[in-house]
mmCIF file of all heavy atoms, coordinates in Angstrom:
data_MODEL
# 
_entry.id   MODEL 
# 
loop_
_atom_site.group_PDB 
_atom_site.id 
_atom_site.type_symbol 
_atom_site.label_atom_id 
_atom_site.label_alt_id 
_atom_site.label_comp_id 
_atom_site.label_asym_id 
_atom_site.label_entity_id 
_atom_site.label_seq_id 
_atom_site.pdbx_PDB_ins_code 
_atom_site.Cartn_x 
_atom_site.Cartn_y 
_atom_site.Cartn_z 
_atom_site.occupancy 
_atom_site.B_iso_or_equiv 
_atom_site.pdbx_formal_charge 
_atom_site.auth_seq_id 
_atom_site.auth_comp_id 
_atom_site.auth_asym_id 
_atom_site.auth_atom_id 
_atom_site.pdbx_PDB_model_num 
ATOM 1   N N   . PRO A 1 1  ? 0.814  -1.230  -0.005  1.00 0.00 ? 1  PRO A N   1 
ATOM 2   C CA  . PRO A 1 1  ? -0.001 -0.003  0.007   1.00 0.00 ? 1  PRO A CA  1 
ATOM 3   C C   . PRO A 1 1  ? 0.846  1.276   0.001   1.00 0.00 ? 1  PRO A C   1 
ATOM 4   O O   . PRO A 1 1  ? 0.283  2.370   0.002   1.00 0.00 ? 1  PRO A O   1 
ATOM 5   C CB  . PRO A 1 1  ? -0.804 -0.107  1.310   1.00 0.00 ? 1  PRO A CB  1 
ATOM 6   C CG  . PRO A 1 1  ? -0.705 -1.514  1.745   1.00 0.00 ? 1  PRO A CG  1 
ATOM 7   C CD  . PRO A 1 1  ? 0.612  -1.983  1.260   1.00 0.00 ? 1  PRO A CD  1 
ATOM 8   N N   . TRP A 1 2  ? 2.150  1.141   -0.012  1.00 0.00 ? 2  TRP A N   1 
ATOM 9   C CA  . TRP A 1 2  ? 3.031  2.306   0.133   1.00 0.00 ? 2  TRP A CA  1 
ATOM 10  C C   . TRP A 1 2  ? 3.441  2.885   -1.215  1.00 0.00 ? 2  TRP A C   1 
ATOM 11  O O   . TRP A 1 2  ? 3.786  2.156   -2.128  1.00 0.00 ? 2  TRP A O   1 
ATOM 12  C CB  . TRP A 1 2  ? 4.276  1.930   0.921   1.00 0.00 ? 2  TRP A CB  1 
ATOM 13  C CG  . TRP A 1 2  ? 3.982  1.424   2.292   1.00 0.00 ? 2  TRP A CG  1 
ATOM 14  C CD1 . TRP A 1 2  ? 3.852  0.122   2.683   1.00 0.00 ? 2  TRP A CD1 1 
ATOM 15  C CD2 . TRP A 1 2  ? 3.757  2.204   3.455   1.00 0.00 ? 2  TRP A CD2 1 
ATOM 16  N NE1 . TRP A 1 2  ? 3.561  0.029   4.018   1.00 0.00 ? 2  TRP A NE1 1 
ATOM 17  C CE2 . TRP A 1 2  ? 3.494  1.324   4.525   1.00 0.00 ? 2  TRP A CE2 1 
ATOM 18  C CE3 . TRP A 1 2  ? 3.741  3.574   3.719   1.00 0.00 ? 2  TRP A CE3 1 
ATOM 19  C CZ2 . TRP A 1 2  ? 3.225  1.743   5.811   1.00 0.00 ? 2  TRP A CZ2 1 
ATOM 20  C CZ3 . TRP A 1 2  ? 3.485  4.004   5.002   1.00 0.00 ? 2  TRP A CZ3 1 
ATOM 21  C CH2 . TRP A 1 2  ? 3.227  3.098   6.042   1.00 0.00 ? 2  TRP A CH2 1 
ATOM 22  N N   . THR A 1 3  ? 3.394  4.242   -1.292  1.00 0.00 ? 3  THR A N   1 
ATOM 23  C CA  . THR A 1 3  ? 3.810  4.941   -2.505  1.00 0.00 ? 3  THR A CA  1 
ATOM 24  C C   . THR A 1 3  ? 4.702  6.113   -2.112  1.00 0.00 ? 3  THR A C   1 
ATOM 25  O O   . THR A 1 3  ? 4.390  6.863   -1.190  1.00 0.00 ? 3  THR A O   1 
ATOM 26  C CB  . THR A 1 3  ? 2.593  5.474   -3.282  1.00 0.00 ? 3  THR A CB  1 
ATOM 27  O OG1 . THR A 1 3  ? 1.752  4.380   -3.664  1.00 0.00 ? 3  THR A OG1 1 
ATOM 28  C CG2 . THR A 1 3  ? 3.032  6.215   -4.541  1.00 0.00 ? 3  THR A CG2 1 
ATOM 29  N N   . LEU A 1 4  ? 5.808  6.249   -2.855  1.00 0.00 ? 4  LEU A N   1 
ATOM 30  C CA  . LEU A 1 4  ? 6.685  7.416   -2.716  1.00 0.00 ? 4  LEU A CA  1 
ATOM 31  C C   . LEU A 1 4  ? 6.532  8.277   -3.962  1.00 0.00 ? 4  LEU A C   1 
ATOM 32  O O   . LEU A 1 4  ? 6.749  7.809   -5.074  1.00 0.00 ? 4  LEU A O   1 
ATOM 33  C CB  . LEU A 1 4  ? 8.127  6.980   -2.533  1.00 0.00 ? 4  LEU A CB  1 
ATOM 34  C CG  . LEU A 1 4  ? 8.453  6.127   -1.304  1.00 0.00 ? 4  LEU A CG  1 
ATOM 35  C CD1 . LEU A 1 4  ? 9.947  5.804   -1.267  1.00 0.00 ? 4  LEU A CD1 1 
ATOM 36  C CD2 . LEU A 1 4  ? 8.043  6.825   -0.017  1.00 0.00 ? 4  LEU A CD2 1 
ATOM 37  N N   . SER A 1 5  ? 6.170  9.549   -3.749  1.00 0.00 ? 5  SER A N   1 
ATOM 38  C CA  . SER A 1 5  ? 6.010  10.485  -4.860  1.00 0.00 ? 5  SER A CA  1 
ATOM 39  C C   . SER A 1 5  ? 7.044  11.594  -4.713  1.00 0.00 ? 5  SER A C   1 
ATOM 40  O O   . SER A 1 5  ? 7.133  12.232  -3.656  1.00 0.00 ? 5  SER A O   1 
ATOM 41  C CB  . SER A 1 5  ? 4.610  11.083  -4.868  1.00 0.00 ? 5  SER A CB  1 
ATOM 42  O OG  . SER A 1 5  ? 3.630  10.071  -4.936  1.00 0.00 ? 5  SER A OG  1 
ATOM 43  N N   . PHE A 1 6  ? 7.810  11.832  -5.761  1.00 0.00 ? 6  PHE A N   1 
ATOM 44  C CA  . PHE A 1 6  ? 8.877  12.823  -5.722  1.00 0.00 ? 6  PHE A CA  1 
ATOM 45  C C   . PHE A 1 6  ? 8.455  14.090  -6.449  1.00 0.00 ? 6  PHE A C   1 
ATOM 46  O O   . PHE A 1 6  ? 7.618  14.043  -7.373  1.00 0.00 ? 6  PHE A O   1 
ATOM 47  C CB  . PHE A 1 6  ? 10.134 12.231  -6.344  1.00 0.00 ? 6  PHE A CB  1 
ATOM 48  C CG  . PHE A 1 6  ? 10.613 11.003  -5.614  1.00 0.00 ? 6  PHE A CG  1 
ATOM 49  C CD1 . PHE A 1 6  ? 10.184 9.746   -6.006  1.00 0.00 ? 6  PHE A CD1 1 
ATOM 50  C CD2 . PHE A 1 6  ? 11.449 11.119  -4.530  1.00 0.00 ? 6  PHE A CD2 1 
ATOM 51  C CE1 . PHE A 1 6  ? 10.608 8.605   -5.330  1.00 0.00 ? 6  PHE A CE1 1 
ATOM 52  C CE2 . PHE A 1 6  ? 11.894 9.987   -3.842  1.00 0.00 ? 6  PHE A CE2 1 
ATOM 53  C CZ  . PHE A 1 6  ? 11.456 8.726   -4.241  1.00 0.00 ? 6  PHE A CZ  1 
ATOM 54  N N   . ASP A 1 7  ? 9.023  15.240  -6.031  1.00 0.00 ? 7  ASP A N   1 
ATOM 55  C CA  . ASP A 1 7  ? 8.546  16.506  -6.590  1.00 0.00 ? 7  ASP A CA  1 
ATOM 56  C C   . ASP A 1 7  ? 8.981  16.741  -8.031  1.00 0.00 ? 7  ASP A C   1 
ATOM 57  O O   . ASP A 1 7  ? 8.615  17.757  -8.621  1.00 0.00 ? 7  ASP A O   1 
ATOM 58  C CB  . ASP A 1 7  ? 8.945  17.695  -5.696  1.00 0.00 ? 7  ASP A CB  1 
ATOM 59  C CG  . ASP A 1 7  ? 10.434 17.883  -5.589  1.00 0.00 ? 7  ASP A CG  1 
ATOM 60  O OD1 . ASP A 1 7  ? 11.192 17.192  -6.292  1.00 0.00 ? 7  ASP A OD1 1 
ATOM 61  O OD2 . ASP A 1 7  ? 10.864 18.745  -4.773  1.00 0.00 ? 7  ASP A OD2 1 
ATOM 62  N N   . ASN A 1 8  ? 9.740  15.818  -8.602  1.00 0.00 ? 8  ASN A N   1 
ATOM 63  C CA  . ASN A 1 8  ? 10.046 15.900  -10.035 1.00 0.00 ? 8  ASN A CA  1 
ATOM 64  C C   . ASN A 1 8  ? 9.009  15.160  -10.877 1.00 0.00 ? 8  ASN A C   1 
ATOM 65  O O   . ASN A 1 8  ? 9.157  15.042  -12.094 1.00 0.00 ? 8  ASN A O   1 
ATOM 66  C CB  . ASN A 1 8  ? 11.437 15.337  -10.315 1.00 0.00 ? 8  ASN A CB  1 
ATOM 67  C CG  . ASN A 1 8  ? 11.540 13.846  -10.049 1.00 0.00 ? 8  ASN A CG  1 
ATOM 68  O OD1 . ASN A 1 8  ? 10.631 13.247  -9.462  1.00 0.00 ? 8  ASN A OD1 1 
ATOM 69  N ND2 . ASN A 1 8  ? 12.637 13.230  -10.445 1.00 0.00 ? 8  ASN A ND2 1 
ATOM 70  N N   . GLY A 1 9  ? 7.971  14.655  -10.210 1.00 0.00 ? 9  GLY A N   1 
ATOM 71  C CA  . GLY A 1 9  ? 6.896  13.954  -10.907 1.00 0.00 ? 9  GLY A CA  1 
ATOM 72  C C   . GLY A 1 9  ? 7.011  12.446  -10.883 1.00 0.00 ? 9  GLY A C   1 
ATOM 73  O O   . GLY A 1 9  ? 6.057  11.741  -11.254 1.00 0.00 ? 9  GLY A O   1 
ATOM 74  N N   . GLN A 1 10 ? 8.126  11.911  -10.431 1.00 0.00 ? 10 GLN A N   1 
ATOM 75  C CA  . GLN A 1 10 ? 8.308  10.463  -10.400 1.00 0.00 ? 10 GLN A CA  1 
ATOM 76  C C   . GLN A 1 10 ? 7.522  9.856   -9.245  1.00 0.00 ? 10 GLN A C   1 
ATOM 77  O O   . GLN A 1 10 ? 7.512  10.377  -8.132  1.00 0.00 ? 10 GLN A O   1 
ATOM 78  C CB  . GLN A 1 10 ? 9.788  10.128  -10.264 1.00 0.00 ? 10 GLN A CB  1 
ATOM 79  C CG  . GLN A 1 10 ? 10.097 8.641   -10.295 1.00 0.00 ? 10 GLN A CG  1 
ATOM 80  C CD  . GLN A 1 10 ? 11.605 8.381   -10.276 1.00 0.00 ? 10 GLN A CD  1 
ATOM 81  O OE1 . GLN A 1 10 ? 12.407 9.276   -10.519 1.00 0.00 ? 10 GLN A OE1 1 
ATOM 82  N NE2 . GLN A 1 10 ? 11.991 7.147   -9.995  1.00 0.00 ? 10 GLN A NE2 1 
ATOM 83  N N   . VAL A 1 11 ? 6.835  8.751   -9.520  1.00 0.00 ? 11 VAL A N   1 
ATOM 84  C CA  . VAL A 1 11 ? 6.036  8.034   -8.519  1.00 0.00 ? 11 VAL A CA  1 
ATOM 85  C C   . VAL A 1 11 ? 6.506  6.594   -8.474  1.00 0.00 ? 11 VAL A C   1 
ATOM 86  O O   . VAL A 1 11 ? 6.647  5.932   -9.518  1.00 0.00 ? 11 VAL A O   1 
ATOM 87  C CB  . VAL A 1 11 ? 4.530  8.115   -8.852  1.00 0.00 ? 11 VAL A CB  1 
ATOM 88  C CG1 . VAL A 1 11 ? 3.729  7.307   -7.834  1.00 0.00 ? 11 VAL A CG1 1 
ATOM 89  C CG2 . VAL A 1 11 ? 4.059  9.550   -8.883  1.00 0.00 ? 11 VAL A CG2 1 
ATOM 90  N N   . VAL A 1 12 ? 6.759  6.095   -7.271  1.00 0.00 ? 12 VAL A N   1 
ATOM 91  C CA  . VAL A 1 12 ? 7.180  4.717   -7.087  1.00 0.00 ? 12 VAL A CA  1 
ATOM 92  C C   . VAL A 1 12 ? 6.201  4.024   -6.159  1.00 0.00 ? 12 VAL A C   1 
ATOM 93  O O   . VAL A 1 12 ? 6.071  4.402   -4.986  1.00 0.00 ? 12 VAL A O   1 
ATOM 94  C CB  . VAL A 1 12 ? 8.608  4.630   -6.515  1.00 0.00 ? 12 VAL A CB  1 
ATOM 95  C CG1 . VAL A 1 12 ? 8.992  3.172   -6.274  1.00 0.00 ? 12 VAL A CG1 1 
ATOM 96  C CG2 . VAL A 1 12 ? 9.609  5.314   -7.434  1.00 0.00 ? 12 VAL A CG2 1 
ATOM 97  N N   . ASN A 1 13 ? 5.502  3.013   -6.686  1.00 0.00 ? 13 ASN A N   1 
ATOM 98  C CA  . ASN A 1 13 ? 4.655  2.164   -5.864  1.00 0.00 ? 13 ASN A CA  1 
ATOM 99  C C   . ASN A 1 13 ? 5.544  1.062   -5.284  1.00 0.00 ? 13 ASN A C   1 
ATOM 100 O O   . ASN A 1 13 ? 6.080  0.231   -6.028  1.00 0.00 ? 13 ASN A O   1 
ATOM 101 C CB  . ASN A 1 13 ? 3.518  1.561   -6.684  1.00 0.00 ? 13 ASN A CB  1 
ATOM 102 C CG  . ASN A 1 13 ? 2.570  2.629   -7.212  1.00 0.00 ? 13 ASN A CG  1 
ATOM 103 O OD1 . ASN A 1 13 ? 2.126  3.496   -6.468  1.00 0.00 ? 13 ASN A OD1 1 
ATOM 104 N ND2 . ASN A 1 13 ? 2.267  2.581   -8.505  1.00 0.00 ? 13 ASN A ND2 1 
ATOM 105 N N   . ILE A 1 14 ? 5.694  1.046   -3.980  1.00 0.00 ? 14 ILE A N   1 
ATOM 106 C CA  . ILE A 1 14 ? 6.622  0.139   -3.349  1.00 0.00 ? 14 ILE A CA  1 
ATOM 107 C C   . ILE A 1 14 ? 6.141  -1.306  -3.474  1.00 0.00 ? 14 ILE A C   1 
ATOM 108 O O   . ILE A 1 14 ? 4.968  -1.612  -3.192  1.00 0.00 ? 14 ILE A O   1 
ATOM 109 C CB  . ILE A 1 14 ? 6.812  0.496   -1.861  1.00 0.00 ? 14 ILE A CB  1 
ATOM 110 C CG1 . ILE A 1 14 ? 7.308  1.942   -1.733  1.00 0.00 ? 14 ILE A CG1 1 
ATOM 111 C CG2 . ILE A 1 14 ? 7.798  -0.449  -1.205  1.00 0.00 ? 14 ILE A CG2 1 
ATOM 112 C CD1 . ILE A 1 14 ? 8.621  2.208   -2.398  1.00 0.00 ? 14 ILE A CD1 1 
ATOM 113 N N   . VAL A 1 15 ? 7.018  -2.181  -3.912  1.00 0.00 ? 15 VAL A N   1 
ATOM 114 C CA  . VAL A 1 15 ? 6.714  -3.601  -4.012  1.00 0.00 ? 15 VAL A CA  1 
ATOM 115 C C   . VAL A 1 15 ? 7.621  -4.359  -3.055  1.00 0.00 ? 15 VAL A C   1 
ATOM 116 O O   . VAL A 1 15 ? 8.586  -3.828  -2.523  1.00 0.00 ? 15 VAL A O   1 
ATOM 117 C CB  . VAL A 1 15 ? 6.923  -4.100  -5.462  1.00 0.00 ? 15 VAL A CB  1 
ATOM 118 C CG1 . VAL A 1 15 ? 6.027  -3.372  -6.421  1.00 0.00 ? 15 VAL A CG1 1 
ATOM 119 C CG2 . VAL A 1 15 ? 8.397  -3.945  -5.873  1.00 0.00 ? 15 VAL A CG2 1 
ATOM 120 N N   . GLU A 1 16 ? 7.263  -5.610  -2.808  1.00 0.00 ? 16 GLU A N   1 
ATOM 121 C CA  . GLU A 1 16 ? 8.141  -6.449  -1.999  1.00 0.00 ? 16 GLU A CA  1 
ATOM 122 C C   . GLU A 1 16 ? 9.508  -6.570  -2.658  1.00 0.00 ? 16 GLU A C   1 
ATOM 123 O O   . GLU A 1 16 ? 9.610  -6.678  -3.887  1.00 0.00 ? 16 GLU A O   1 
ATOM 124 C CB  . GLU A 1 16 ? 7.512  -7.828  -1.788  1.00 0.00 ? 16 GLU A CB  1 
ATOM 125 C CG  . GLU A 1 16 ? 6.415  -7.845  -0.753  1.00 0.00 ? 16 GLU A CG  1 
ATOM 126 C CD  . GLU A 1 16 ? 6.019  -9.264  -0.385  1.00 0.00 ? 16 GLU A CD  1 
ATOM 127 O OE1 . GLU A 1 16 ? 6.445  -10.199 -1.088  1.00 0.00 ? 16 GLU A OE1 1 
ATOM 128 O OE2 . GLU A 1 16 ? 5.278  -9.426  0.601   1.00 0.00 ? 16 GLU A OE2 1 
ATOM 129 N N   . ASP A 1 17 ? 10.531 -6.550  -1.816  1.00 0.00 ? 17 ASP A N   1 
ATOM 130 C CA  . ASP A 1 17 ? 11.910 -6.620  -2.316  1.00 0.00 ? 17 ASP A CA  1 
ATOM 131 C C   . ASP A 1 17 ? 12.184 -5.480  -3.309  1.00 0.00 ? 17 ASP A C   1 
ATOM 132 O O   . ASP A 1 17 ? 12.781 -5.667  -4.360  1.00 0.00 ? 17 ASP A O   1 
ATOM 133 C CB  . ASP A 1 17 ? 12.181 -7.972  -2.974  1.00 0.00 ? 17 ASP A CB  1 
ATOM 134 C CG  . ASP A 1 17 ? 11.996 -9.127  -2.015  1.00 0.00 ? 17 ASP A CG  1 
ATOM 135 O OD1 . ASP A 1 17 ? 12.338 -8.973  -0.828  1.00 0.00 ? 17 ASP A OD1 1 
ATOM 136 O OD2 . ASP A 1 17 ? 11.479 -10.172 -2.451  1.00 0.00 ? 17 ASP A OD2 1 
ATOM 137 N N   . GLN A 1 18 ? 11.732 -4.266  -2.925  1.00 0.00 ? 18 GLN A N   1 
ATOM 138 C CA  . GLN A 1 18 ? 11.888 -3.092  -3.759  1.00 0.00 ? 18 GLN A CA  1 
ATOM 139 C C   . GLN A 1 18 ? 13.378 -2.831  -4.029  1.00 0.00 ? 18 GLN A C   1 
ATOM 140 O O   . GLN A 1 18 ? 14.208 -2.856  -3.109  1.00 0.00 ? 18 GLN A O   1 
ATOM 141 C CB  . GLN A 1 18 ? 11.288 -1.860  -3.066  1.00 0.00 ? 18 GLN A CB  1 
ATOM 142 C CG  . GLN A 1 18 ? 11.492 -0.541  -3.791  1.00 0.00 ? 18 GLN A CG  1 
ATOM 143 C CD  . GLN A 1 18 ? 10.708 -0.465  -5.079  1.00 0.00 ? 18 GLN A CD  1 
ATOM 144 O OE1 . GLN A 1 18 ? 9.522  -0.732  -5.103  1.00 0.00 ? 18 GLN A OE1 1 
ATOM 145 N NE2 . GLN A 1 18 ? 11.364 -0.079  -6.156  1.00 0.00 ? 18 GLN A NE2 1 
ATOM 146 N N   . SER A 1 19 ? 13.702 -2.562  -5.280  1.00 0.00 ? 19 SER A N   1 
ATOM 147 C CA  . SER A 1 19 ? 15.081 -2.284  -5.642  1.00 0.00 ? 19 SER A CA  1 
ATOM 148 C C   . SER A 1 19 ? 15.448 -0.859  -5.251  1.00 0.00 ? 19 SER A C   1 
ATOM 149 O O   . SER A 1 19 ? 14.593 -0.039  -4.901  1.00 0.00 ? 19 SER A O   1 
ATOM 150 C CB  . SER A 1 19 ? 15.288 -2.479  -7.147  1.00 0.00 ? 19 SER A CB  1 
ATOM 151 O OG  . SER A 1 19 ? 14.448 -1.618  -7.889  1.00 0.00 ? 19 SER A OG  1 
ATOM 152 N N   . TYR A 1 20 ? 16.724 -0.568  -5.316  1.00 0.00 ? 20 TYR A N   1 
ATOM 153 C CA  . TYR A 1 20 ? 17.281 0.744   -4.955  1.00 0.00 ? 20 TYR A CA  1 
ATOM 154 C C   . TYR A 1 20 ? 16.655 1.856   -5.798  1.00 0.00 ? 20 TYR A C   1 
ATOM 155 O O   . TYR A 1 20 ? 16.489 1.716   -7.001  1.00 0.00 ? 20 TYR A O   1 
ATOM 156 C CB  . TYR A 1 20 ? 18.790 0.703   -5.141  1.00 0.00 ? 20 TYR A CB  1 
ATOM 157 C CG  . TYR A 1 20 ? 19.519 1.994   -4.894  1.00 0.00 ? 20 TYR A CG  1 
ATOM 158 C CD1 . TYR A 1 20 ? 19.728 2.451   -3.586  1.00 0.00 ? 20 TYR A CD1 1 
ATOM 159 C CD2 . TYR A 1 20 ? 20.016 2.758   -5.939  1.00 0.00 ? 20 TYR A CD2 1 
ATOM 160 C CE1 . TYR A 1 20 ? 20.419 3.614   -3.338  1.00 0.00 ? 20 TYR A CE1 1 
ATOM 161 C CE2 . TYR A 1 20 ? 20.710 3.937   -5.702  1.00 0.00 ? 20 TYR A CE2 1 
ATOM 162 C CZ  . TYR A 1 20 ? 20.904 4.357   -4.404  1.00 0.00 ? 20 TYR A CZ  1 
ATOM 163 O OH  . TYR A 1 20 ? 21.593 5.535   -4.172  1.00 0.00 ? 20 TYR A OH  1 
ATOM 164 N N   . ILE A 1 21 ? 16.297 2.959   -5.136  1.00 0.00 ? 21 ILE A N   1 
ATOM 165 C CA  . ILE A 1 21 ? 15.665 4.092   -5.829  1.00 0.00 ? 21 ILE A CA  1 
ATOM 166 C C   . ILE A 1 21 ? 16.636 5.257   -5.793  1.00 0.00 ? 21 ILE A C   1 
ATOM 167 O O   . ILE A 1 21 ? 17.093 5.672   -4.720  1.00 0.00 ? 21 ILE A O   1 
ATOM 168 C CB  . ILE A 1 21 ? 14.326 4.491   -5.151  1.00 0.00 ? 21 ILE A CB  1 
ATOM 169 C CG1 . ILE A 1 21 ? 13.360 3.321   -5.149  1.00 0.00 ? 21 ILE A CG1 1 
ATOM 170 C CG2 . ILE A 1 21 ? 13.726 5.696   -5.861  1.00 0.00 ? 21 ILE A CG2 1 
ATOM 171 C CD1 . ILE A 1 21 ? 12.121 3.572   -4.293  1.00 0.00 ? 21 ILE A CD1 1 
ATOM 172 N N   . SER A 1 22 ? 16.962 5.801   -6.943  1.00 0.00 ? 22 SER A N   1 
ATOM 173 C CA  . SER A 1 22 ? 17.809 6.998   -7.030  1.00 0.00 ? 22 SER A CA  1 
ATOM 174 C C   . SER A 1 22 ? 17.070 8.028   -7.857  1.00 0.00 ? 22 SER A C   1 
ATOM 175 O O   . SER A 1 22 ? 16.642 7.748   -8.976  1.00 0.00 ? 22 SER A O   1 
ATOM 176 C CB  . SER A 1 22 ? 19.141 6.663   -7.669  1.00 0.00 ? 22 SER A CB  1 
ATOM 177 O OG  . SER A 1 22 ? 19.953 7.826   -7.770  1.00 0.00 ? 22 SER A OG  1 
ATOM 178 N N   . VAL A 1 23 ? 16.920 9.239   -7.310  1.00 0.00 ? 23 VAL A N   1 
ATOM 179 C CA  . VAL A 1 23 ? 16.102 10.235  -7.980  1.00 0.00 ? 23 VAL A CA  1 
ATOM 180 C C   . VAL A 1 23 ? 16.667 11.631  -7.697  1.00 0.00 ? 23 VAL A C   1 
ATOM 181 O O   . VAL A 1 23 ? 17.188 11.895  -6.619  1.00 0.00 ? 23 VAL A O   1 
ATOM 182 C CB  . VAL A 1 23 ? 14.633 10.136  -7.493  1.00 0.00 ? 23 VAL A CB  1 
ATOM 183 C CG1 . VAL A 1 23 ? 14.532 10.379  -6.004  1.00 0.00 ? 23 VAL A CG1 1 
ATOM 184 C CG2 . VAL A 1 23 ? 13.742 11.118  -8.254  1.00 0.00 ? 23 VAL A CG2 1 
ATOM 185 N N   . VAL A 1 24 ? 16.591 12.499  -8.693  1.00 0.00 ? 24 VAL A N   1 
ATOM 186 C CA  . VAL A 1 24 ? 16.946 13.917  -8.529  1.00 0.00 ? 24 VAL A CA  1 
ATOM 187 C C   . VAL A 1 24 ? 15.675 14.649  -8.128  1.00 0.00 ? 24 VAL A C   1 
ATOM 188 O O   . VAL A 1 24 ? 14.762 14.819  -8.935  1.00 0.00 ? 24 VAL A O   1 
ATOM 189 C CB  . VAL A 1 24 ? 17.535 14.501  -9.819  1.00 0.00 ? 24 VAL A CB  1 
ATOM 190 C CG1 . VAL A 1 24 ? 17.812 15.994  -9.639  1.00 0.00 ? 24 VAL A CG1 1 
ATOM 191 C CG2 . VAL A 1 24 ? 18.805 13.779  -10.204 1.00 0.00 ? 24 VAL A CG2 1 
ATOM 192 N N   . SER A 1 25 ? 15.617 15.051  -6.888  1.00 0.00 ? 25 SER A N   1 
ATOM 193 C CA  . SER A 1 25 ? 14.389 15.641  -6.355  1.00 0.00 ? 25 SER A CA  1 
ATOM 194 C C   . SER A 1 25 ? 14.718 16.407  -5.087  1.00 0.00 ? 25 SER A C   1 
ATOM 195 O O   . SER A 1 25 ? 15.685 16.081  -4.383  1.00 0.00 ? 25 SER A O   1 
ATOM 196 C CB  . SER A 1 25 ? 13.360 14.535  -6.059  1.00 0.00 ? 25 SER A CB  1 
ATOM 197 O OG  . SER A 1 25 ? 12.228 15.067  -5.411  1.00 0.00 ? 25 SER A OG  1 
ATOM 198 N N   . ASN A 1 26 ? 13.923 17.424  -4.785  1.00 0.00 ? 26 ASN A N   1 
ATOM 199 C CA  . ASN A 1 26 ? 14.127 18.213  -3.575  1.00 0.00 ? 26 ASN A CA  1 
ATOM 200 C C   . ASN A 1 26 ? 13.361 17.689  -2.378  1.00 0.00 ? 26 ASN A C   1 
ATOM 201 O O   . ASN A 1 26 ? 13.505 18.202  -1.277  1.00 0.00 ? 26 ASN A O   1 
ATOM 202 C CB  . ASN A 1 26 ? 13.755 19.676  -3.809  1.00 0.00 ? 26 ASN A CB  1 
ATOM 203 C CG  . ASN A 1 26 ? 14.748 20.383  -4.703  1.00 0.00 ? 26 ASN A CG  1 
ATOM 204 O OD1 . ASN A 1 26 ? 15.901 19.977  -4.806  1.00 0.00 ? 26 ASN A OD1 1 
ATOM 205 N ND2 . ASN A 1 26 ? 14.300 21.430  -5.363  1.00 0.00 ? 26 ASN A ND2 1 
ATOM 206 N N   . GLY A 1 27 ? 12.517 16.683  -2.593  1.00 0.00 ? 27 GLY A N   1 
ATOM 207 C CA  . GLY A 1 27 ? 11.736 16.120  -1.506  1.00 0.00 ? 27 GLY A CA  1 
ATOM 208 C C   . GLY A 1 27 ? 10.818 15.033  -2.023  1.00 0.00 ? 27 GLY A C   1 
ATOM 209 O O   . GLY A 1 27 ? 10.817 14.718  -3.224  1.00 0.00 ? 27 GLY A O   1 
# 
């Protein structure tokens, strides 16, 4: 049920065994 939304517009719906996330974003 977890989602990470970055202020550059990128959205990541967290899955089991989520891989490394690297993003250019201020928050």
